[in-house]
C-alpha atoms as a PDB file:
ATOM      1  CA  UNK A   1      -6.070   5.640 -10.821  1.00  0.00           C
ATOM      2  CA  UNK A   2      -2.830   5.744 -12.773  1.00  0.00           C
ATOM      3  CA  UNK A   3      -3.187   6.509 -16.440  1.00  0.00           C
ATOM      4  CA  UNK A   4      -1.049   4.815 -19.065  1.00  0.00           C
ATOM      5  CA  UNK A   5       2.080   6.656 -20.043  1.00  0.00           C
ATOM      6  CA  UNK A   6       2.353   8.293 -23.429  1.00  0.00           C
ATOM      7  CA  UNK A   7       6.004   7.616 -24.221  1.00  0.00           C
ATOM      8  CA  UNK A   8       6.206  10.482 -26.702  1.00  0.00           C
ATOM      9  CA  UNK A   9       4.791  13.113 -24.327  1.00  0.00           C
ATOM     10  CA  UNK A  10       5.732  11.722 -20.934  1.00  0.00           C
ATOM     11  CA  UNK A  11       9.473  11.197 -21.365  1.00  0.00           C
ATOM     12  CA  UNK A  12      11.536  14.339 -21.871  1.00  0.00           C
ATOM     13  CA  UNK A  13      15.153  15.340 -21.530  1.00  0.00           C
ATOM     14  CA  UNK A  14      16.163  17.591 -18.674  1.00  0.00           C
ATOM     15  CA  UNK A  15      17.219  20.180 -21.278  1.00  0.00           C
ATOM     16  CA  UNK A  16      13.739  20.110 -22.837  1.00  0.00           C
ATOM     17  CA  UNK A  17      12.189  20.496 -19.391  1.00  0.00           C
ATOM     18  CA  UNK A  18      14.376  23.522 -18.653  1.00  0.00           C
ATOM     19  CA  UNK A  19      13.187  25.166 -21.887  1.00  0.00           C
ATOM     20  CA  UNK A  20       9.506  24.286 -21.432  1.00  0.00           C
ATOM     21  CA  UNK A  21       9.022  23.804 -17.680  1.00  0.00           C
ATOM     22  CA  UNK A  22       5.757  25.728 -17.472  1.00  0.00           C
ATOM     23  CA  UNK A  23       4.155  23.863 -20.375  1.00  0.00           C
ATOM     24  CA  UNK A  24       5.315  20.460 -19.139  1.00  0.00           C
ATOM     25  CA  UNK A  25       4.105  21.106 -15.581  1.00  0.00           C
ATOM     26  CA  UNK A  26       0.701  22.104 -16.975  1.00  0.00           C
ATOM     27  CA  UNK A  27       0.721  18.870 -18.995  1.00  0.00           C
ATOM     28  CA  UNK A  28       1.299  16.810 -15.817  1.00  0.00           C
ATOM     29  CA  UNK A  29      -1.461  18.704 -14.018  1.00  0.00           C
ATOM     30  CA  UNK A  30      -3.905  18.201 -16.891  1.00  0.00           C
ATOM     31  CA  UNK A  31      -3.174  14.565 -17.761  1.00  0.00           C
ATOM     32  CA  UNK A  32      -2.332  13.370 -14.227  1.00  0.00           C
ATOM     33  CA  UNK A  33       0.388  11.248 -15.867  1.00  0.00           C
ATOM     34  CA  UNK A  34       3.949  11.410 -14.523  1.00  0.00           C
ATOM     35  CA  UNK A  35       6.699  13.017 -16.548  1.00  0.00           C
ATOM     36  CA  UNK A  36      10.030  11.180 -16.721  1.00  0.00           C
ATOM     37  CA  UNK A  37      13.060  13.394 -17.209  1.00  0.00           C
ATOM     38  CA  UNK A  38      16.186  11.864 -18.692  1.00  0.00           C
ATOM     39  CA  UNK A  39      19.838  12.794 -18.372  1.00  0.00           C
ATOM     40  CA  UNK A  40      22.261  11.300 -20.892  1.00  0.00           C
ATOM     41  CA  UNK A  41      19.445   9.098 -22.204  1.00  0.00           C
ATOM     42  CA  UNK A  42      18.660   7.511 -18.835  1.00  0.00           C
ATOM     43  CA  UNK A  43      15.704   8.175 -16.521  1.00  0.00           C
ATOM     44  CA  UNK A  44      16.812  10.603 -13.805  1.00  0.00           C
ATOM     45  CA  UNK A  45      13.684  11.915 -12.091  1.00  0.00           C
ATOM     46  CA  UNK A  46       9.896  11.694 -12.211  1.00  0.00           C
ATOM     47  CA  UNK A  47       7.617  14.716 -11.902  1.00  0.00           C
ATOM     48  CA  UNK A  48       4.172  13.788 -10.694  1.00  0.00           C
ATOM     49  CA  UNK A  49       0.851  15.423  -9.883  1.00  0.00           C
ATOM     50  CA  UNK A  50       0.600  15.758  -6.054  1.00  0.00           C
ATOM     51  CA  UNK A  51      -2.839  14.126  -5.839  1.00  0.00           C
ATOM     52  CA  UNK A  52      -1.673  11.131  -7.861  1.00  0.00           C
ATOM     53  CA  UNK A  53       1.461  10.844  -5.716  1.00  0.00           C
ATOM     54  CA  UNK A  54      -0.634  10.944  -2.541  1.00  0.00           C
ATOM     55  CA  UNK A  55      -2.865   8.217  -3.947  1.00  0.00           C
ATOM     56  CA  UNK A  56       0.167   6.009  -4.602  1.00  0.00           C
ATOM     57  CA  UNK A  57       1.498   6.662  -1.084  1.00  0.00           C
ATOM     58  CA  UNK A  58      -1.879   5.749   0.442  1.00  0.00           C
ATOM     59  CA  UNK A  59      -2.002   2.552  -1.610  1.00  0.00           C
ATOM     60  CA  UNK A  60       1.533   1.630  -0.525  1.00  0.00           C
ATOM     61  CA  UNK A  61       0.689   2.265   3.138  1.00  0.00           C
ATOM     62  CA  UNK A  62      -2.448   0.132   2.793  1.00  0.00           C
ATOM     63  CA  UNK A  63      -0.568  -2.824   1.319  1.00  0.00           C
ATOM     64  CA  UNK A  64       2.193  -2.547   3.931  1.00  0.00           C
ATOM     65  CA  UNK A  65      -0.488  -2.671   6.646  1.00  0.00           C
ATOM     66  CA  UNK A  66      -2.129  -5.701   5.007  1.00  0.00           C
ATOM     67  CA  UNK A  67       1.246  -7.480   4.890  1.00  0.00           C
ATOM     68  CA  UNK A  68       1.913  -6.686   8.572  1.00  0.00           C
ATOM     69  CA  UNK A  69      -1.523  -7.954   9.555  1.00  0.00           C
ATOM     70  CA  UNK A  70      -0.976 -11.171   7.607  1.00  0.00           C
ATOM     71  CA  UNK A  71       2.334 -11.695   9.418  1.00  0.00           C
ATOM     72  CA  UNK A  72       0.615 -11.046  12.736  1.00  0.00           C
ATOM     73  CA  UNK A  73      -2.093 -13.573  11.940  1.00  0.00           C
ATOM     74  CA  UNK A  74       0.567 -16.179  11.117  1.00  0.00           C
ATOM     75  CA  UNK A  75       2.169 -15.516  14.516  1.00  0.00           C
ATOM     76  CA  UNK A  76      -1.178 -15.967  16.271  1.00  0.00           C
ATOM     77  CA  UNK A  77      -1.523 -19.370  14.649  1.00  0.00           C
ATOM     78  CA  UNK A  78       2.037 -20.306  15.679  1.00  0.00           C
ATOM     79  CA  UNK A  79       1.668 -20.426  19.468  1.00  0.00           C
ATOM     80  CA  UNK A  80       5.114 -21.977  20.010  1.00  0.00           C
ATOM     81  CA  UNK A  81       6.560 -18.488  19.331  1.00  0.00           C
ATOM     82  CA  UNK A  82       4.502 -16.907  22.095  1.00  0.00           C
ATOM     83  CA  UNK A  83       6.243 -15.681  25.234  1.00  0.00           C
ATOM     84  CA  UNK A  84       4.787 -15.573  28.719  1.00  0.00           C
ATOM     85  CA  UNK A  85       3.415 -12.402  30.286  1.00  0.00           C
ATOM     86  CA  UNK A  86       6.379 -12.465  32.695  1.00  0.00           C
ATOM     87  CA  UNK A  87       8.865 -12.575  29.801  1.00  0.00           C
ATOM     88  CA  UNK A  88       7.023  -9.749  28.018  1.00  0.00           C
ATOM     89  CA  UNK A  89       6.990  -7.644  31.190  1.00  0.00           C
ATOM     90  CA  UNK A  90      10.708  -8.233  31.723  1.00  0.00           C
ATOM     91  CA  UNK A  91      11.516  -7.183  28.135  1.00  0.00           C
ATOM     92  CA  UNK A  92       9.480  -4.004  28.528  1.00  0.00           C
ATOM     93  CA  UNK A  93      11.031  -3.261  31.902  1.00  0.00           C
ATOM     94  CA  UNK A  94      14.574  -3.826  30.533  1.00  0.00           C
ATOM     95  CA  UNK A  95      13.942  -1.623  27.534  1.00  0.00           C
ATOM     96  CA  UNK A  96      12.149   1.318  29.122  1.00  0.00           C
ATOM     97  CA  UNK A  97      13.057   1.452  32.814  1.00  0.00           C
ATOM     98  CA  UNK A  98      16.515   2.598  33.902  1.00  0.00           C
ATOM     99  CA  UNK A  99      18.584   0.038  35.809  1.00  0.00           C
END
């Protein structure tokens, strides 16, 4: 679960991070909220708790799988795109067996 950002605490300059790295890393670990570091007033990098990052990666992988499955189901319903077993075998043979 991502927690809402606290714009006062969770956005810092790179210079501020260099001065207070230990404290700011502890803050990320405690709050589980990401820390946005800015350079010249623009977001440059995000520091994030590893468990929260892993959760986001898992969620992204899940939704990519769901999208792929939905595409596959559309293809099943669209039988005019199907190829014969002979065509499939020929494609596999051409791709993986030396000539």
